[in-house]
Every structure is written in C-alpha cells, then in structure tokens.
C-alpha cells in the first residue's frame, strides 16, 4: 500500500476518485469503500481516501509488453488524483527518507 499527499485545493473523496477513473480508465467497481480498477499493465488498482490522503495498492501485469505506457498512464492518473506531478511526488518522498 502506498500513501500519497493531496493538494489542499482538491476535495478528496470516493466520488472524486470515481470521476477521475471514469474519465481516465473507464472501468471500476466499488467494494468495501475501495474503488477497484485496472488498465493495461496493471491487473489491479485499488484506491481509497480518508479525506486528506490518497491510498493505493497495485498489482502489476508482468506479461504486458509496454511498461513505459503503463508508467505514463499511472503517473497521469496520480497527477489528476493528487494534484502533484511525478517530480513533485519524488521530491516529497525523498524528504521522508
């Protein structure tokens, strides 16, 4: 499980996550308050929020042939959900070490 900070301008909720997943991925299901989805390269993407932070668990599809496409799509999705781009997230996580 990975925990991501969210910009204060984003009202983090399951409805917001669903809206972003609808526009970016298209498919999702809701189970026990967690939103579950997938896209090429990720077998499972499980997302939930507590209002201030975003939590995510992923399961990689090791047989997928284009991992760079998966990384790009995942980073785009995270940027839309958290408001932080990959460079900003890297900087944030490097401060934690």
PDB file of N, CA and C in Angstrom:
ATOM      1  N   UNK A   1       0.845  -1.171   0.000  1.00  0.00           N
ATOM      2  CA  UNK A   1       0.000   0.000   0.000  1.00  0.00           C
ATOM      3  C   UNK A   1       0.894   1.240   0.000  1.00  0.00           C
ATOM      4  N   UNK A   2       0.494   2.221  -0.759  1.00  0.00           N
ATOM      5  CA  UNK A   2       1.233   3.482  -0.839  1.00  0.00           C
ATOM      6  C   UNK A   2       0.298   4.618  -0.456  1.00  0.00           C
ATOM      7  N   UNK A   3       0.810   5.560   0.274  1.00  0.00           N
ATOM      8  CA  UNK A   3       0.052   6.729   0.741  1.00  0.00           C
ATOM      9  C   UNK A   3       0.564   7.957  -0.001  1.00  0.00           C
ATOM     10  N   UNK A   4      -0.358   8.746  -0.561  1.00  0.00           N
ATOM     11  CA  UNK A   4       0.022   9.931  -1.327  1.00  0.00           C
ATOM     12  C   UNK A   4      -0.603  11.177  -0.716  1.00  0.00           C
ATOM     13  N   UNK A   5       0.177  12.254  -0.625  1.00  0.00           N
ATOM     14  CA  UNK A   5      -0.402  13.527  -0.173  1.00  0.00           C
ATOM     15  C   UNK A   5      -1.267  14.109  -1.286  1.00  0.00           C
ATOM     16  N   UNK A   6      -2.236  14.908  -0.899  1.00  0.00           N
ATOM     17  CA  UNK A   6      -3.146  15.525  -1.864  1.00  0.00           C
ATOM     18  C   UNK A   6      -3.117  17.031  -1.650  1.00  0.00           C
ATOM     19  N   UNK A   7      -3.085  17.789  -2.737  1.00  0.00           N
ATOM     20  CA  UNK A   7      -3.111  19.250  -2.625  1.00  0.00           C
ATOM     21  C   UNK A   7      -4.378  19.688  -1.918  1.00  0.00           C
ATOM     22  N   UNK A   8      -4.265  20.742  -1.152  1.00  0.00           N
ATOM     23  CA  UNK A   8      -5.394  21.228  -0.362  1.00  0.00           C
ATOM     24  C   UNK A   8      -6.554  21.712  -1.220  1.00  0.00           C
ATOM     25  N   UNK A   9      -6.287  22.066  -2.472  1.00  0.00           N
ATOM     26  CA  UNK A   9      -7.347  22.550  -3.355  1.00  0.00           C
ATOM     27  C   UNK A   9      -8.242  21.422  -3.860  1.00  0.00           C
ATOM     28  N   UNK A  10      -7.830  20.170  -3.672  1.00  0.00           N
ATOM     29  CA  UNK A  10      -8.613  19.021  -4.130  1.00  0.00           C
ATOM     30  C   UNK A  10      -9.416  18.464  -2.968  1.00  0.00           C
ATOM     31  N   UNK A  11     -10.709  18.362  -3.159  1.00  0.00           N
ATOM     32  CA  UNK A  11     -11.600  17.774  -2.153  1.00  0.00           C
ATOM     33  C   UNK A  11     -11.618  16.259  -2.359  1.00  0.00           C
ATOM     34  N   UNK A  12     -10.737  15.564  -1.663  1.00  0.00           N
ATOM     35  CA  UNK A  12     -10.564  14.134  -1.840  1.00  0.00           C
ATOM     36  C   UNK A  12     -11.735  13.356  -1.256  1.00  0.00           C
ATOM     37  N   UNK A  13     -12.378  12.575  -2.109  1.00  0.00           N
ATOM     38  CA  UNK A  13     -13.474  11.701  -1.695  1.00  0.00           C
ATOM     39  C   UNK A  13     -13.573  10.559  -2.699  1.00  0.00           C
ATOM     40  N   UNK A  14     -14.328   9.543  -2.355  1.00  0.00           N
ATOM     41  CA  UNK A  14     -14.511   8.431  -3.282  1.00  0.00           C
ATOM     42  C   UNK A  14     -15.227   8.884  -4.549  1.00  0.00           C
ATOM     43  N   UNK A  15     -16.143   9.857  -4.438  1.00  0.00           N
ATOM     44  CA  UNK A  15     -16.826  10.379  -5.626  1.00  0.00           C
ATOM     45  C   UNK A  15     -15.834  11.037  -6.574  1.00  0.00           C
ATOM     46  N   UNK A  16     -14.891  11.782  -6.026  1.00  0.00           N
ATOM     47  CA  UNK A  16     -13.862  12.429  -6.843  1.00  0.00           C
ATOM     48  C   UNK A  16     -12.998  11.369  -7.536  1.00  0.00           C
ATOM     49  N   UNK A  17     -12.601  10.338  -6.795  1.00  0.00           N
ATOM     50  CA  UNK A  17     -11.791   9.253  -7.366  1.00  0.00           C
ATOM     51  C   UNK A  17     -12.540   8.576  -8.504  1.00  0.00           C
ATOM     52  N   UNK A  18     -13.824   8.301  -8.298  1.00  0.00           N
ATOM     53  CA  UNK A  18     -14.643   7.657  -9.326  1.00  0.00           C
ATOM     54  C   UNK A  18     -14.718   8.527 -10.574  1.00  0.00           C
ATOM     55  N   UNK A  19     -14.925   9.830 -10.402  1.00  0.00           N
ATOM     56  CA  UNK A  19     -14.989  10.732 -11.553  1.00  0.00           C
ATOM     57  C   UNK A  19     -13.695  10.701 -12.361  1.00  0.00           C
ATOM     58  N   UNK A  20     -12.553  10.718 -11.672  1.00  0.00           N
ATOM     59  CA  UNK A  20     -11.266  10.685 -12.365  1.00  0.00           C
ATOM     60  C   UNK A  20     -11.068   9.340 -13.060  1.00  0.00           C
ATOM     61  N   UNK A  21     -11.399   8.244 -12.385  1.00  0.00           N
ATOM     62  CA  UNK A  21     -11.245   6.926 -13.002  1.00  0.00           C
ATOM     63  C   UNK A  21     -12.152   6.767 -14.218  1.00  0.00           C
ATOM     64  N   UNK A  22     -13.369   7.296 -14.141  1.00  0.00           N
ATOM     65  CA  UNK A  22     -14.284   7.242 -15.292  1.00  0.00           C
ATOM     66  C   UNK A  22     -13.656   7.922 -16.504  1.00  0.00           C
ATOM     67  N   UNK A  23     -13.073   9.094 -16.295  1.00  0.00           N
ATOM     68  CA  UNK A  23     -12.515   9.836 -17.421  1.00  0.00           C
ATOM     69  C   UNK A  23     -11.187   9.260 -17.915  1.00  0.00           C
ATOM     70  N   UNK A  24     -10.393   8.694 -17.027  1.00  0.00           N
ATOM     71  CA  UNK A  24      -9.066   8.209 -17.405  1.00  0.00           C
ATOM     72  C   UNK A  24      -9.031   6.730 -17.789  1.00  0.00           C
ATOM     73  N   UNK A  25      -9.757   5.906 -17.060  1.00  0.00           N
ATOM     74  CA  UNK A  25      -9.673   4.460 -17.254  1.00  0.00           C
ATOM     75  C   UNK A  25     -10.975   3.895 -17.823  1.00  0.00           C
ATOM     76  N   UNK A  26     -12.092   4.372 -17.308  1.00  0.00           N
ATOM     77  CA  UNK A  26     -13.387   3.928 -17.808  1.00  0.00           C
ATOM     78  C   UNK A  26     -14.057   2.863 -16.962  1.00  0.00           C
ATOM     79  N   UNK A  27     -13.294   1.913 -16.442  1.00  0.00           N
ATOM     80  CA  UNK A  27     -13.915   0.829 -15.684  1.00  0.00           C
ATOM     81  C   UNK A  27     -13.529   0.904 -14.210  1.00  0.00           C
ATOM     82  N   UNK A  28     -14.474   0.536 -13.352  1.00  0.00           N
ATOM     83  CA  UNK A  28     -14.203   0.482 -11.918  1.00  0.00           C
ATOM     84  C   UNK A  28     -15.330  -0.276 -11.233  1.00  0.00           C
ATOM     85  N   UNK A  29     -15.040  -0.761 -10.042  1.00  0.00           N
ATOM     86  CA  UNK A  29     -16.053  -1.329  -9.164  1.00  0.00           C
ATOM     87  C   UNK A  29     -15.785  -0.784  -7.767  1.00  0.00           C
ATOM     88  N   UNK A  30     -16.810  -0.801  -6.927  1.00  0.00           N
ATOM     89  CA  UNK A  30     -16.651  -0.332  -5.556  1.00  0.00           C
ATOM     90  C   UNK A  30     -16.887  -1.516  -4.630  1.00  0.00           C
ATOM     91  N   UNK A  31     -15.956  -1.723  -3.696  1.00  0.00           N
ATOM     92  CA  UNK A  31     -16.057  -2.821  -2.754  1.00  0.00           C
ATOM     93  C   UNK A  31     -15.517  -2.366  -1.403  1.00  0.00           C
ATOM     94  N   UNK A  32     -16.361  -2.393  -0.383  1.00  0.00           N
ATOM     95  CA  UNK A  32     -15.973  -2.019   0.983  1.00  0.00           C
ATOM     96  C   UNK A  32     -15.324  -0.634   1.064  1.00  0.00           C
ATOM     97  N   UNK A  33     -15.833   0.311   0.304  1.00  0.00           N
ATOM     98  CA  UNK A  33     -15.306   1.673   0.339  1.00  0.00           C
ATOM     99  C   UNK A  33     -14.050   1.893  -0.483  1.00  0.00           C
ATOM    100  N   UNK A  34     -13.559   0.840  -1.140  1.00  0.00           N
ATOM    101  CA  UNK A  34     -12.389   0.949  -2.008  1.00  0.00           C
ATOM    102  C   UNK A  34     -12.843   0.884  -3.453  1.00  0.00           C
ATOM    103  N   UNK A  35     -12.223   1.673  -4.310  1.00  0.00           N
ATOM    104  CA  UNK A  35     -12.533   1.664  -5.729  1.00  0.00           C
ATOM    105  C   UNK A  35     -11.474   0.814  -6.411  1.00  0.00           C
ATOM    106  N   UNK A  36     -11.918  -0.172  -7.169  1.00  0.00           N
ATOM    107  CA  UNK A  36     -11.017  -1.116  -7.814  1.00  0.00           C
ATOM    108  C   UNK A  36     -11.150  -0.975  -9.324  1.00  0.00           C
ATOM    109  N   UNK A  37     -10.007  -0.900  -9.992  1.00  0.00           N
ATOM    110  CA  UNK A  37      -9.976  -0.729 -11.432  1.00  0.00           C
ATOM    111  C   UNK A  37      -8.764  -1.447 -11.989  1.00  0.00           C
ATOM    112  N   UNK A  38      -8.607  -1.388 -13.298  1.00  0.00           N
ATOM    113  CA  UNK A  38      -7.420  -1.941 -13.949  1.00  0.00           C
ATOM    114  C   UNK A  38      -7.258  -1.269 -15.307  1.00  0.00           C
ATOM    115  N   UNK A  39      -6.054  -1.328 -15.820  1.00  0.00           N
ATOM    116  CA  UNK A  39      -5.792  -0.891 -17.186  1.00  0.00           C
ATOM    117  C   UNK A  39      -4.560  -1.635 -17.673  1.00  0.00           C
ATOM    118  N   UNK A  40      -4.260  -1.581 -18.968  1.00  0.00           N
ATOM    119  CA  UNK A  40      -3.144  -2.367 -19.496  1.00  0.00           C
ATOM    120  C   UNK A  40      -1.849  -2.128 -18.719  1.00  0.00           C
ATOM    121  N   UNK A  41      -1.290  -3.209 -18.209  1.00  0.00           N
ATOM    122  CA  UNK A  41      -0.066  -3.138 -17.423  1.00  0.00           C
ATOM    123  C   UNK A  41      -0.309  -3.254 -15.926  1.00  0.00           C
ATOM    124  N   UNK A  42      -1.529  -2.962 -15.493  1.00  0.00           N
ATOM    125  CA  UNK A  42      -1.898  -3.121 -14.084  1.00  0.00           C
ATOM    126  C   UNK A  42      -3.106  -4.054 -13.990  1.00  0.00           C
ATOM    127  N   UNK A  43      -2.905  -5.204 -13.374  1.00  0.00           N
ATOM    128  CA  UNK A  43      -4.005  -6.146 -13.194  1.00  0.00           C
ATOM    129  C   UNK A  43      -5.043  -5.587 -12.237  1.00  0.00           C
ATOM    130  N   UNK A  44      -4.550  -4.904 -11.189  1.00  0.00           N
ATOM    131  CA  UNK A  44      -5.452  -4.394 -10.166  1.00  0.00           C
ATOM    132  C   UNK A  44      -4.934  -3.062  -9.643  1.00  0.00           C
ATOM    133  N   UNK A  45      -5.843  -2.123  -9.540  1.00  0.00           N
ATOM    134  CA  UNK A  45      -5.560  -0.812  -8.988  1.00  0.00           C
ATOM    135  C   UNK A  45      -6.663  -0.549  -7.963  1.00  0.00           C
ATOM    136  N   UNK A  46      -6.294  -0.554  -6.700  1.00  0.00           N
ATOM    137  CA  UNK A  46      -7.258  -0.352  -5.607  1.00  0.00           C
ATOM    138  C   UNK A  46      -6.961   0.988  -4.949  1.00  0.00           C
ATOM    139  N   UNK A  47      -7.970   1.871  -4.928  1.00  0.00           N
ATOM    140  CA  UNK A  47      -7.781   3.240  -4.462  1.00  0.00           C
ATOM    141  C   UNK A  47      -8.842   3.584  -3.428  1.00  0.00           C
ATOM    142  N   UNK A  48      -8.436   4.344  -2.389  1.00  0.00           N
ATOM    143  CA  UNK A  48      -9.386   4.874  -1.421  1.00  0.00           C
ATOM    144  C   UNK A  48      -8.794   6.115  -0.788  1.00  0.00           C
ATOM    145  N   UNK A  49      -9.615   6.862  -0.086  1.00  0.00           N
ATOM    146  CA  UNK A  49      -9.164   8.122   0.514  1.00  0.00           C
ATOM    147  C   UNK A  49      -9.747   8.269   1.905  1.00  0.00           C
ATOM    148  N   UNK A  50      -9.071   9.100   2.718  1.00  0.00           N
ATOM    149  CA  UNK A  50      -9.589   9.405   4.047  1.00  0.00           C
ATOM    150  C   UNK A  50      -9.946  10.884   4.176  1.00  0.00           C
ATOM    151  N   UNK A  51      -9.996  11.582   3.053  1.00  0.00           N
ATOM    152  CA  UNK A  51     -10.327  12.999   3.069  1.00  0.00           C
ATOM    153  C   UNK A  51      -9.117  13.885   2.848  1.00  0.00           C
ATOM    154  N   UNK A  52      -7.957  13.473   3.378  1.00  0.00           N
ATOM    155  CA  UNK A  52      -6.742  14.277   3.232  1.00  0.00           C
ATOM    156  C   UNK A  52      -5.658  13.561   2.443  1.00  0.00           C
ATOM    157  N   UNK A  53      -5.685  12.245   2.444  1.00  0.00           N
ATOM    158  CA  UNK A  53      -4.657  11.468   1.755  1.00  0.00           C
ATOM    159  C   UNK A  53      -5.302  10.434   0.839  1.00  0.00           C
ATOM    160  N   UNK A  54      -4.529  10.045  -0.147  1.00  0.00           N
ATOM    161  CA  UNK A  54      -4.952   9.038  -1.101  1.00  0.00           C
ATOM    162  C   UNK A  54      -4.143   7.769  -0.824  1.00  0.00           C
ATOM    163  N   UNK A  55      -4.803   6.638  -0.825  1.00  0.00           N
ATOM    164  CA  UNK A  55      -4.146   5.359  -0.597  1.00  0.00           C
ATOM    165  C   UNK A  55      -4.345   4.491  -1.830  1.00  0.00           C
ATOM    166  N   UNK A  56      -3.299   3.751  -2.179  1.00  0.00           N
ATOM    167  CA  UNK A  56      -3.367   2.978  -3.402  1.00  0.00           C
ATOM    168  C   UNK A  56      -2.574   1.684  -3.261  1.00  0.00           C
ATOM    169  N   UNK A  57      -3.174   0.606  -3.765  1.00  0.00           N
ATOM    170  CA  UNK A  57      -2.490  -0.678  -3.881  1.00  0.00           C
ATOM    171  C   UNK A  57      -2.555  -1.083  -5.340  1.00  0.00           C
ATOM    172  N   UNK A  58      -1.451  -1.589  -5.866  1.00  0.00           N
ATOM    173  CA  UNK A  58      -1.407  -2.000  -7.263  1.00  0.00           C
ATOM    174  C   UNK A  58      -0.887  -3.423  -7.391  1.00  0.00           C
ATOM    175  N   UNK A  59      -1.308  -4.062  -8.464  1.00  0.00           N
ATOM    176  CA  UNK A  59      -0.784  -5.374  -8.831  1.00  0.00           C
ATOM    177  C   UNK A  59      -0.400  -5.296 -10.297  1.00  0.00           C
ATOM    178  N   UNK A  60       0.871  -5.507 -10.587  1.00  0.00           N
ATOM    179  CA  UNK A  60       1.408  -5.349 -11.930  1.00  0.00           C
ATOM    180  C   UNK A  60       1.133  -6.571 -12.796  1.00  0.00           C
ATOM    181  N   UNK A  61       0.853  -6.316 -14.069  1.00  0.00           N
ATOM    182  CA  UNK A  61       0.721  -7.374 -15.066  1.00  0.00           C
ATOM    183  C   UNK A  61       2.095  -7.583 -15.684  1.00  0.00           C
ATOM    184  N   UNK A  62       2.800  -8.621 -15.249  1.00  0.00           N
ATOM    185  CA  UNK A  62       4.180  -8.845 -15.691  1.00  0.00           C
ATOM    186  C   UNK A  62       4.279  -9.281 -17.151  1.00  0.00           C
ATOM    187  N   UNK A  63       3.177  -9.693 -17.753  1.00  0.00           N
ATOM    188  CA  UNK A  63       3.200 -10.144 -19.145  1.00  0.00           C
ATOM    189  C   UNK A  63       2.967  -9.009 -20.135  1.00  0.00           C
ATOM    190  N   UNK A  64       2.614  -7.818 -19.654  1.00  0.00           N
ATOM    191  CA  UNK A  64       2.345  -6.696 -20.542  1.00  0.00           C
ATOM    192  C   UNK A  64       3.648  -6.231 -21.194  1.00  0.00           C
ATOM    193  N   UNK A  65       3.603  -5.961 -22.479  1.00  0.00           N
ATOM    194  CA  UNK A  65       4.813  -5.706 -23.262  1.00  0.00           C
ATOM    195  C   UNK A  65       5.256  -4.246 -23.321  1.00  0.00           C
ATOM    196  N   UNK A  66       4.448  -3.305 -22.825  1.00  0.00           N
ATOM    197  CA  UNK A  66       4.805  -1.889 -22.945  1.00  0.00           C
ATOM    198  C   UNK A  66       4.753  -1.200 -21.575  1.00  0.00           C
ATOM    199  N   UNK A  67       5.722  -1.468 -20.704  1.00  0.00           N
ATOM    200  CA  UNK A  67       5.673  -0.899 -19.353  1.00  0.00           C
ATOM    201  C   UNK A  67       5.784   0.631 -19.325  1.00  0.00           C
ATOM    202  N   UNK A  68       6.463   1.228 -20.309  1.00  0.00           N
ATOM    203  CA  UNK A  68       6.587   2.694 -20.304  1.00  0.00           C
ATOM    204  C   UNK A  68       5.231   3.368 -20.484  1.00  0.00           C
ATOM    205  N   UNK A  69       4.346   2.763 -21.268  1.00  0.00           N
ATOM    206  CA  UNK A  69       2.983   3.283 -21.439  1.00  0.00           C
ATOM    207  C   UNK A  69       2.212   3.198 -20.123  1.00  0.00           C
ATOM    208  N   UNK A  70       2.383   2.085 -19.405  1.00  0.00           N
ATOM    209  CA  UNK A  70       1.715   1.901 -18.119  1.00  0.00           C
ATOM    210  C   UNK A  70       2.196   2.944 -17.112  1.00  0.00           C
ATOM    211  N   UNK A  71       3.494   3.174 -17.068  1.00  0.00           N
ATOM    212  CA  UNK A  71       4.057   4.159 -16.136  1.00  0.00           C
ATOM    213  C   UNK A  71       3.524   5.554 -16.445  1.00  0.00           C
ATOM    214  N   UNK A  72       3.495   5.915 -17.729  1.00  0.00           N
ATOM    215  CA  UNK A  72       2.989   7.228 -18.126  1.00  0.00           C
ATOM    216  C   UNK A  72       1.528   7.397 -17.724  1.00  0.00           C
ATOM    217  N   UNK A  73       0.719   6.373 -17.998  1.00  0.00           N
ATOM    218  CA  UNK A  73      -0.705   6.443 -17.664  1.00  0.00           C
ATOM    219  C   UNK A  73      -0.912   6.507 -16.145  1.00  0.00           C
ATOM    220  N   UNK A  74      -0.130   5.730 -15.403  1.00  0.00           N
ATOM    221  CA  UNK A  74      -0.232   5.720 -13.950  1.00  0.00           C
ATOM    222  C   UNK A  74       0.151   7.082 -13.376  1.00  0.00           C
ATOM    223  N   UNK A  75       1.240   7.674 -13.886  1.00  0.00           N
ATOM    224  CA  UNK A  75       1.659   8.997 -13.426  1.00  0.00           C
ATOM    225  C   UNK A  75       0.620  10.070 -13.759  1.00  0.00           C
ATOM    226  N   UNK A  76       0.027   9.993 -14.940  1.00  0.00           N
ATOM    227  CA  UNK A  76      -1.040  10.937 -15.308  1.00  0.00           C
ATOM    228  C   UNK A  76      -2.228  10.802 -14.366  1.00  0.00           C
ATOM    229  N   UNK A  77      -2.591   9.558 -14.061  1.00  0.00           N
ATOM    230  CA  UNK A  77      -3.710   9.304 -13.153  1.00  0.00           C
ATOM    231  C   UNK A  77      -3.412   9.856 -11.762  1.00  0.00           C
ATOM    232  N   UNK A  78      -2.227   9.594 -11.256  1.00  0.00           N
ATOM    233  CA  UNK A  78      -1.837  10.106  -9.937  1.00  0.00           C
ATOM    234  C   UNK A  78      -1.827  11.628  -9.900  1.00  0.00           C
ATOM    235  N   UNK A  79      -1.370  12.252 -10.979  1.00  0.00           N
ATOM    236  CA  UNK A  79      -1.351  13.715 -11.021  1.00  0.00           C
ATOM    237  C   UNK A  79      -2.767  14.288 -10.958  1.00  0.00           C
ATOM    238  N   UNK A  80      -3.695  13.649 -11.664  1.00  0.00           N
ATOM    239  CA  UNK A  80      -5.080  14.130 -11.625  1.00  0.00           C
ATOM    240  C   UNK A  80      -5.715  13.899 -10.253  1.00  0.00           C
ATOM    241  N   UNK A  81      -5.357  12.802  -9.601  1.00  0.00           N
ATOM    242  CA  UNK A  81      -5.941  12.499  -8.294  1.00  0.00           C
ATOM    243  C   UNK A  81      -5.341  13.351  -7.168  1.00  0.00           C
ATOM    244  N   UNK A  82      -4.023  13.573  -7.202  1.00  0.00           N
ATOM    245  CA  UNK A  82      -3.367  14.249  -6.082  1.00  0.00           C
ATOM    246  C   UNK A  82      -3.075  15.727  -6.334  1.00  0.00           C
ATOM    247  N   UNK A  83      -2.963  16.110  -7.602  1.00  0.00           N
ATOM    248  CA  UNK A  83      -2.599  17.483  -7.920  1.00  0.00           C
ATOM    249  C   UNK A  83      -1.091  17.681  -8.009  1.00  0.00           C
ATOM    250  N   UNK A  84      -0.317  16.641  -7.706  1.00  0.00           N
ATOM    251  CA  UNK A  84       1.141  16.712  -7.766  1.00  0.00           C
ATOM    252  C   UNK A  84       1.647  15.912  -8.960  1.00  0.00           C
ATOM    253  N   UNK A  85       2.596  16.485  -9.714  1.00  0.00           N
ATOM    254  CA  UNK A  85       3.181  15.726 -10.816  1.00  0.00           C
ATOM    255  C   UNK A  85       4.268  14.794 -10.276  1.00  0.00           C
ATOM    256  N   UNK A  86       4.843  13.986 -11.145  1.00  0.00           N
ATOM    257  CA  UNK A  86       5.801  12.971 -10.689  1.00  0.00           C
ATOM    258  C   UNK A  86       7.044  13.596 -10.050  1.00  0.00           C
ATOM    259  N   UNK A  87       7.484  14.722 -10.564  1.00  0.00           N
ATOM    260  CA  UNK A  87       8.648  15.401  -9.995  1.00  0.00           C
ATOM    261  C   UNK A  87       8.362  15.877  -8.565  1.00  0.00           C
ATOM    262  N   UNK A  88       7.175  16.438  -8.358  1.00  0.00           N
ATOM    263  CA  UNK A  88       6.786  16.915  -7.022  1.00  0.00           C
ATOM    264  C   UNK A  88       6.624  15.754  -6.051  1.00  0.00           C
ATOM    265  N   UNK A  89       6.060  14.643  -6.516  1.00  0.00           N
ATOM    266  CA  UNK A  89       5.900  13.464  -5.653  1.00  0.00           C
ATOM    267  C   UNK A  89       7.266  12.895  -5.272  1.00  0.00           C
ATOM    268  N   UNK A  90       8.184  12.848  -6.224  1.00  0.00           N
ATOM    269  CA  UNK A  90       9.535  12.340  -5.937  1.00  0.00           C
ATOM    270  C   UNK A  90      10.207  13.201  -4.881  1.00  0.00           C
ATOM    271  N   UNK A  91      10.072  14.502  -5.010  1.00  0.00           N
ATOM    272  CA  UNK A  91      10.664  15.423  -4.041  1.00  0.00           C
ATOM    273  C   UNK A  91      10.064  15.209  -2.651  1.00  0.00           C
ATOM    274  N   UNK A  92       8.742  15.031  -2.606  1.00  0.00           N
ATOM    275  CA  UNK A  92       8.056  14.793  -1.328  1.00  0.00           C
ATOM    276  C   UNK A  92       8.548  13.504  -0.674  1.00  0.00           C
ATOM    277  N   UNK A  93       8.625  12.420  -1.459  1.00  0.00           N
ATOM    278  CA  UNK A  93       9.033  11.133  -0.895  1.00  0.00           C
ATOM    279  C   UNK A  93      10.512  11.101  -0.545  1.00  0.00           C
ATOM    280  N   UNK A  94      11.334  11.862  -1.246  1.00  0.00           N
ATOM    281  CA  UNK A  94      12.758  11.887  -0.896  1.00  0.00           C
ATOM    282  C   UNK A  94      12.992  12.571   0.440  1.00  0.00           C
ATOM    283  N   UNK A  95      12.106  13.479   0.835  1.00  0.00           N
ATOM    284  CA  UNK A  95      12.212  14.145   2.131  1.00  0.00           C
ATOM    285  C   UNK A  95      11.896  13.178   3.286  1.00  0.00           C
ATOM    286  N   UNK A  96      11.130  12.143   3.008  1.00  0.00           N
ATOM    287  CA  UNK A  96      10.736  11.197   4.055  1.00  0.00           C
ATOM    288  C   UNK A  96      11.868  10.260   4.453  1.00  0.00           C
ATOM    289  N   UNK A  97      12.837  10.080   3.598  1.00  0.00           N
ATOM    290  CA  UNK A  97      13.935   9.123   3.884  1.00  0.00           C
ATOM    291  C   UNK A  97      14.966   9.700   4.819  1.00  0.00           C
TER     292      UNK A  97
END
